[in-house]
Amino acid sequence: MDRSQDLAALETKLETYRQAWLHSDIEQFMSLWDRSYPLLTYMPMERAEIMHDWDSIVRYWQTILPITRMQQWDVESMLVDFLTPDIAWVFCQHSFAYRVTDGTQIGLQAYRGRTTHVFHRVGADWLTVHYEDSIQWFASSDVARRAAESK
């Protein structure tokens, strides 16, 4: 693959990730990962502990997806650096809005977020081996919430 094909493949992976959140689709999430990689890392913003193995990552999705209803997930920008021919670092800024259905949060939660992915080439495919997300905590979530509610 040339770099333009690699970039297109990585953009497709981010779209799959977005769709997985929008549809709470664990199978889509699972399709993005290189589960045979020896040291996976998954660091969602709401967890203090880093997950380092496939079973922990799957348990996280099994816990969070049934209670999270994503209503918006829009990628706003993407930076890509190919660290080696088989390792790509991808940083994204995005806006997202969700509702939690277990009663622990009331109303629409809307934020601007950041994610870092590291993808590993497996054959012709790019698969995730590292994921980390965070939110812009002090950015006005009221503005983001109003924008999400108007969609």
C-alpha atoms as a PDB file:
ATOM      1  CA  MET A   1       0.000   0.000   0.000  1.00  0.00           C
ATOM      2  CA  ASP A   2       1.126   3.537  -0.601  1.00  0.00           C
ATOM      3  CA  ARG A   3       0.661   6.278   1.996  1.00  0.00           C
ATOM      4  CA  SER A   4      -2.572   7.594   0.447  1.00  0.00           C
ATOM      5  CA  GLN A   5      -4.076   4.106   0.667  1.00  0.00           C
ATOM      6  CA  ASP A   6      -2.829   3.770   4.251  1.00  0.00           C
ATOM      7  CA  LEU A   7      -4.398   7.126   5.164  1.00  0.00           C
ATOM      8  CA  ALA A   8      -7.693   6.120   3.571  1.00  0.00           C
ATOM      9  CA  ALA A   9      -7.607   2.804   5.466  1.00  0.00           C
ATOM     10  CA  LEU A  10      -7.001   4.610   8.772  1.00  0.00           C
ATOM     11  CA  GLU A  11      -9.831   7.065   8.060  1.00  0.00           C
ATOM     12  CA  THR A  12     -12.081   4.048   7.431  1.00  0.00           C
ATOM     13  CA  LYS A  13     -11.000   2.577  10.789  1.00  0.00           C
ATOM     14  CA  LEU A  14     -11.985   5.810  12.545  1.00  0.00           C
ATOM     15  CA  GLU A  15     -15.347   5.756  10.797  1.00  0.00           C
ATOM     16  CA  THR A  16     -15.850   2.159  11.974  1.00  0.00           C
ATOM     17  CA  TYR A  17     -14.943   3.252  15.488  1.00  0.00           C
ATOM     18  CA  ARG A  18     -17.462   6.134  15.244  1.00  0.00           C
ATOM     19  CA  GLN A  19     -20.191   3.781  14.010  1.00  0.00           C
ATOM     20  CA  ALA A  20     -19.407   1.295  16.773  1.00  0.00           C
ATOM     21  CA  TRP A  21     -20.082   4.001  19.363  1.00  0.00           C
ATOM     22  CA  LEU A  22     -23.191   5.298  17.621  1.00  0.00           C
ATOM     23  CA  HIS A  23     -24.678   1.790  17.468  1.00  0.00           C
ATOM     24  CA  SER A  24     -23.196   0.338  20.690  1.00  0.00           C
ATOM     25  CA  ASP A  25     -21.799  -2.421  18.497  1.00  0.00           C
ATOM     26  CA  ILE A  26     -19.271  -4.595  20.320  1.00  0.00           C
ATOM     27  CA  GLU A  27     -18.570  -6.643  17.175  1.00  0.00           C
ATOM     28  CA  GLN A  28     -17.465  -3.496  15.348  1.00  0.00           C
ATOM     29  CA  PHE A  29     -15.205  -2.542  18.250  1.00  0.00           C
ATOM     30  CA  MET A  30     -13.705  -6.025  18.289  1.00  0.00           C
ATOM     31  CA  SER A  31     -13.031  -5.903  14.536  1.00  0.00           C
ATOM     32  CA  LEU A  32     -10.735  -2.893  15.031  1.00  0.00           C
ATOM     33  CA  TRP A  33      -8.237  -4.560  17.350  1.00  0.00           C
ATOM     34  CA  ASP A  34      -5.200  -6.805  16.927  1.00  0.00           C
ATOM     35  CA  ARG A  35      -6.136  -9.109  19.777  1.00  0.00           C
ATOM     36  CA  SER A  36      -2.967 -11.174  19.293  1.00  0.00           C
ATOM     37  CA  TYR A  37      -0.661  -8.218  19.941  1.00  0.00           C
ATOM     38  CA  PRO A  38       1.361  -8.930  23.127  1.00  0.00           C
ATOM     39  CA  LEU A  39       0.739  -5.637  24.952  1.00  0.00           C
ATOM     40  CA  LEU A  40      -2.571  -3.973  24.204  1.00  0.00           C
ATOM     41  CA  THR A  41      -3.416  -0.727  26.001  1.00  0.00           C
ATOM     42  CA  TYR A  42      -6.887   0.740  26.371  1.00  0.00           C
ATOM     43  CA  MET A  43      -7.299   3.886  28.453  1.00  0.00           C
ATOM     44  CA  PRO A  44     -10.821   5.351  28.449  1.00  0.00           C
ATOM     45  CA  MET A  45     -11.245   8.708  30.154  1.00  0.00           C
ATOM     46  CA  GLU A  46     -13.535   7.447  32.900  1.00  0.00           C
ATOM     47  CA  ARG A  47     -11.271   4.649  34.105  1.00  0.00           C
ATOM     48  CA  ALA A  48      -8.305   5.066  36.442  1.00  0.00           C
ATOM     49  CA  GLU A  49      -6.786   1.737  35.449  1.00  0.00           C
ATOM     50  CA  ILE A  50      -5.236   0.978  32.091  1.00  0.00           C
ATOM     51  CA  MET A  51      -6.408  -2.245  30.477  1.00  0.00           C
ATOM     52  CA  HIS A  52      -3.557  -4.320  29.039  1.00  0.00           C
ATOM     53  CA  ASP A  53      -5.242  -7.452  27.765  1.00  0.00           C
ATOM     54  CA  TRP A  54      -7.981  -8.422  25.379  1.00  0.00           C
ATOM     55  CA  ASP A  55     -10.335  -9.928  27.988  1.00  0.00           C
ATOM     56  CA  SER A  56     -10.287  -6.705  30.059  1.00  0.00           C
ATOM     57  CA  ILE A  57     -11.038  -4.602  27.002  1.00  0.00           C
ATOM     58  CA  VAL A  58     -13.978  -6.789  26.016  1.00  0.00           C
ATOM     59  CA  ARG A  59     -15.329  -6.711  29.598  1.00  0.00           C
ATOM     60  CA  TYR A  60     -15.144  -2.905  29.496  1.00  0.00           C
ATOM     61  CA  TRP A  61     -17.262  -2.784  26.331  1.00  0.00           C
ATOM     62  CA  GLN A  62     -19.695  -5.323  27.797  1.00  0.00           C
ATOM     63  CA  THR A  63     -20.111  -2.997  30.789  1.00  0.00           C
ATOM     64  CA  ILE A  64     -20.227   0.408  29.108  1.00  0.00           C
ATOM     65  CA  LEU A  65     -22.119  -0.243  25.870  1.00  0.00           C
ATOM     66  CA  PRO A  66     -25.418  -1.412  27.404  1.00  0.00           C
ATOM     67  CA  ILE A  67     -25.748   1.812  29.440  1.00  0.00           C
ATOM     68  CA  THR A  68     -24.365   4.355  26.952  1.00  0.00           C
ATOM     69  CA  ARG A  69     -26.441   5.802  24.126  1.00  0.00           C
ATOM     70  CA  MET A  70     -24.131   7.816  21.903  1.00  0.00           C
ATOM     71  CA  GLN A  71     -26.069  10.454  19.986  1.00  0.00           C
ATOM     72  CA  GLN A  72     -23.202  12.226  18.253  1.00  0.00           C
ATOM     73  CA  TRP A  73     -19.583  11.378  17.426  1.00  0.00           C
ATOM     74  CA  ASP A  74     -18.023  13.673  14.853  1.00  0.00           C
ATOM     75  CA  VAL A  75     -14.316  13.581  14.028  1.00  0.00           C
ATOM     76  CA  GLU A  76     -13.137  17.176  13.629  1.00  0.00           C
ATOM     77  CA  SER A  77      -9.464  16.678  12.838  1.00  0.00           C
ATOM     78  CA  MET A  78      -6.996  13.861  12.417  1.00  0.00           C
ATOM     79  CA  LEU A  79      -3.195  13.790  12.536  1.00  0.00           C
ATOM     80  CA  VAL A  80      -1.311  10.718  11.340  1.00  0.00           C
ATOM     81  CA  ASP A  81       2.331   9.803  11.700  1.00  0.00           C
ATOM     82  CA  PHE A  82       3.755   6.567  10.347  1.00  0.00           C
ATOM     83  CA  LEU A  83       6.314   5.647  12.984  1.00  0.00           C
ATOM     84  CA  THR A  84       7.446   2.633  10.977  1.00  0.00           C
ATOM     85  CA  PRO A  85       6.022   1.016   7.829  1.00  0.00           C
ATOM     86  CA  ASP A  86       3.836  -1.127  10.128  1.00  0.00           C
ATOM     87  CA  ILE A  87       3.007   1.260  13.004  1.00  0.00           C
ATOM     88  CA  ALA A  88       0.799   4.346  12.650  1.00  0.00           C
ATOM     89  CA  TRP A  89       0.045   6.916  15.367  1.00  0.00           C
ATOM     90  CA  VAL A  90      -3.292   8.676  14.921  1.00  0.00           C
ATOM     91  CA  PHE A  91      -4.536  11.629  16.975  1.00  0.00           C
ATOM     92  CA  CYS A  92      -8.102  12.910  16.583  1.00  0.00           C
ATOM     93  CA  GLN A  93     -10.199  15.683  17.977  1.00  0.00           C
ATOM     94  CA  HIS A  94     -13.913  15.039  18.005  1.00  0.00           C
ATOM     95  CA  SER A  95     -17.171  16.148  19.517  1.00  0.00           C
ATOM     96  CA  PHE A  96     -19.504  13.658  21.086  1.00  0.00           C
ATOM     97  CA  ALA A  97     -22.730  13.530  23.037  1.00  0.00           C
ATOM     98  CA  TYR A  98     -24.307  10.638  24.901  1.00  0.00           C
ATOM     99  CA  ARG A  99     -26.863   9.676  27.493  1.00  0.00           C
ATOM    100  CA  VAL A 100     -26.272   7.191  30.290  1.00  0.00           C
ATOM    101  CA  THR A 101     -29.279   4.950  30.887  1.00  0.00           C
ATOM    102  CA  ASP A 102     -28.429   3.524  34.327  1.00  0.00           C
ATOM    103  CA  GLY A 103     -29.343   6.715  36.229  1.00  0.00           C
ATOM    104  CA  THR A 104     -25.773   7.670  37.189  1.00  0.00           C
ATOM    105  CA  GLN A 105     -25.852  10.757  34.948  1.00  0.00           C
ATOM    106  CA  ILE A 106     -28.872  12.850  34.090  1.00  0.00           C
ATOM    107  CA  GLY A 107     -29.392  14.471  30.713  1.00  0.00           C
ATOM    108  CA  LEU A 108     -27.245  14.725  27.659  1.00  0.00           C
ATOM    109  CA  GLN A 109     -23.495  14.721  28.268  1.00  0.00           C
ATOM    110  CA  ALA A 110     -21.690  16.581  25.475  1.00  0.00           C
ATOM    111  CA  TYR A 111     -17.980  17.287  25.142  1.00  0.00           C
ATOM    112  CA  ARG A 112     -15.084  17.886  22.813  1.00  0.00           C
ATOM    113  CA  GLY A 113     -12.692  14.991  23.056  1.00  0.00           C
ATOM    114  CA  ARG A 114      -9.312  13.734  21.958  1.00  0.00           C
ATOM    115  CA  THR A 115      -8.257  10.222  21.098  1.00  0.00           C
ATOM    116  CA  THR A 116      -4.909   8.667  20.385  1.00  0.00           C
ATOM    117  CA  HIS A 117      -4.765   5.386  18.498  1.00  0.00           C
ATOM    118  CA  VAL A 118      -1.759   3.309  17.583  1.00  0.00           C
ATOM    119  CA  PHE A 119      -2.443   0.989  14.668  1.00  0.00           C
ATOM    120  CA  HIS A 120      -0.369  -2.043  13.750  1.00  0.00           C
ATOM    121  CA  ARG A 121      -0.356  -3.323  10.170  1.00  0.00           C
ATOM    122  CA  VAL A 122      -1.432  -6.951   9.979  1.00  0.00           C
ATOM    123  CA  GLY A 123      -1.151  -8.056   6.372  1.00  0.00           C
ATOM    124  CA  ALA A 124      -3.069  -5.461   4.381  1.00  0.00           C
ATOM    125  CA  ASP A 125      -5.123  -4.355   7.404  1.00  0.00           C
ATOM    126  CA  TRP A 126      -4.468  -1.785  10.129  1.00  0.00           C
ATOM    127  CA  LEU A 127      -5.533  -2.903  13.617  1.00  0.00           C
ATOM    128  CA  THR A 128      -5.531  -1.027  16.918  1.00  0.00           C
ATOM    129  CA  VAL A 129      -3.009  -1.907  19.628  1.00  0.00           C
ATOM    130  CA  HIS A 130      -3.377   1.257  21.751  1.00  0.00           C
ATOM    131  CA  TYR A 131      -6.287   3.592  22.463  1.00  0.00           C
ATOM    132  CA  GLU A 132      -6.546   6.524  24.846  1.00  0.00           C
ATOM    133  CA  ASP A 133      -9.222   9.179  25.140  1.00  0.00           C
ATOM    134  CA  SER A 134      -9.716  12.337  27.114  1.00  0.00           C
ATOM    135  CA  ILE A 135     -12.080  15.282  27.120  1.00  0.00           C
ATOM    136  CA  GLN A 136     -11.519  18.982  27.133  1.00  0.00           C
ATOM    137  CA  TRP A 137     -12.878  19.227  30.641  1.00  0.00           C
ATOM    138  CA  PHE A 138     -12.986  22.996  30.952  1.00  0.00           C
ATOM    139  CA  ALA A 139     -14.312  23.632  27.462  1.00  0.00           C
ATOM    140  CA  SER A 140     -17.922  24.733  27.595  1.00  0.00           C
ATOM    141  CA  SER A 141     -19.910  21.531  27.603  1.00  0.00           C
ATOM    142  CA  ASP A 142     -23.094  23.676  27.591  1.00  0.00           C
ATOM    143  CA  VAL A 143     -22.249  24.889  24.085  1.00  0.00           C
ATOM    144  CA  ALA A 144     -21.488  21.329  22.956  1.00  0.00           C
ATOM    145  CA  ARG A 145     -24.669  20.050  24.617  1.00  0.00           C
ATOM    146  CA  ARG A 146     -26.854  22.643  22.883  1.00  0.00           C
ATOM    147  CA  ALA A 147     -25.247  21.867  19.519  1.00  0.00           C
ATOM    148  CA  ALA A 148     -25.818  18.127  19.993  1.00  0.00           C
ATOM    149  CA  GLU A 149     -29.431  18.613  21.069  1.00  0.00           C
ATOM    150  CA  SER A 150     -30.175  20.643  17.944  1.00  0.00           C
ATOM    151  CA  LYS A 151     -29.124  17.767  15.627  1.00  0.00           C
END
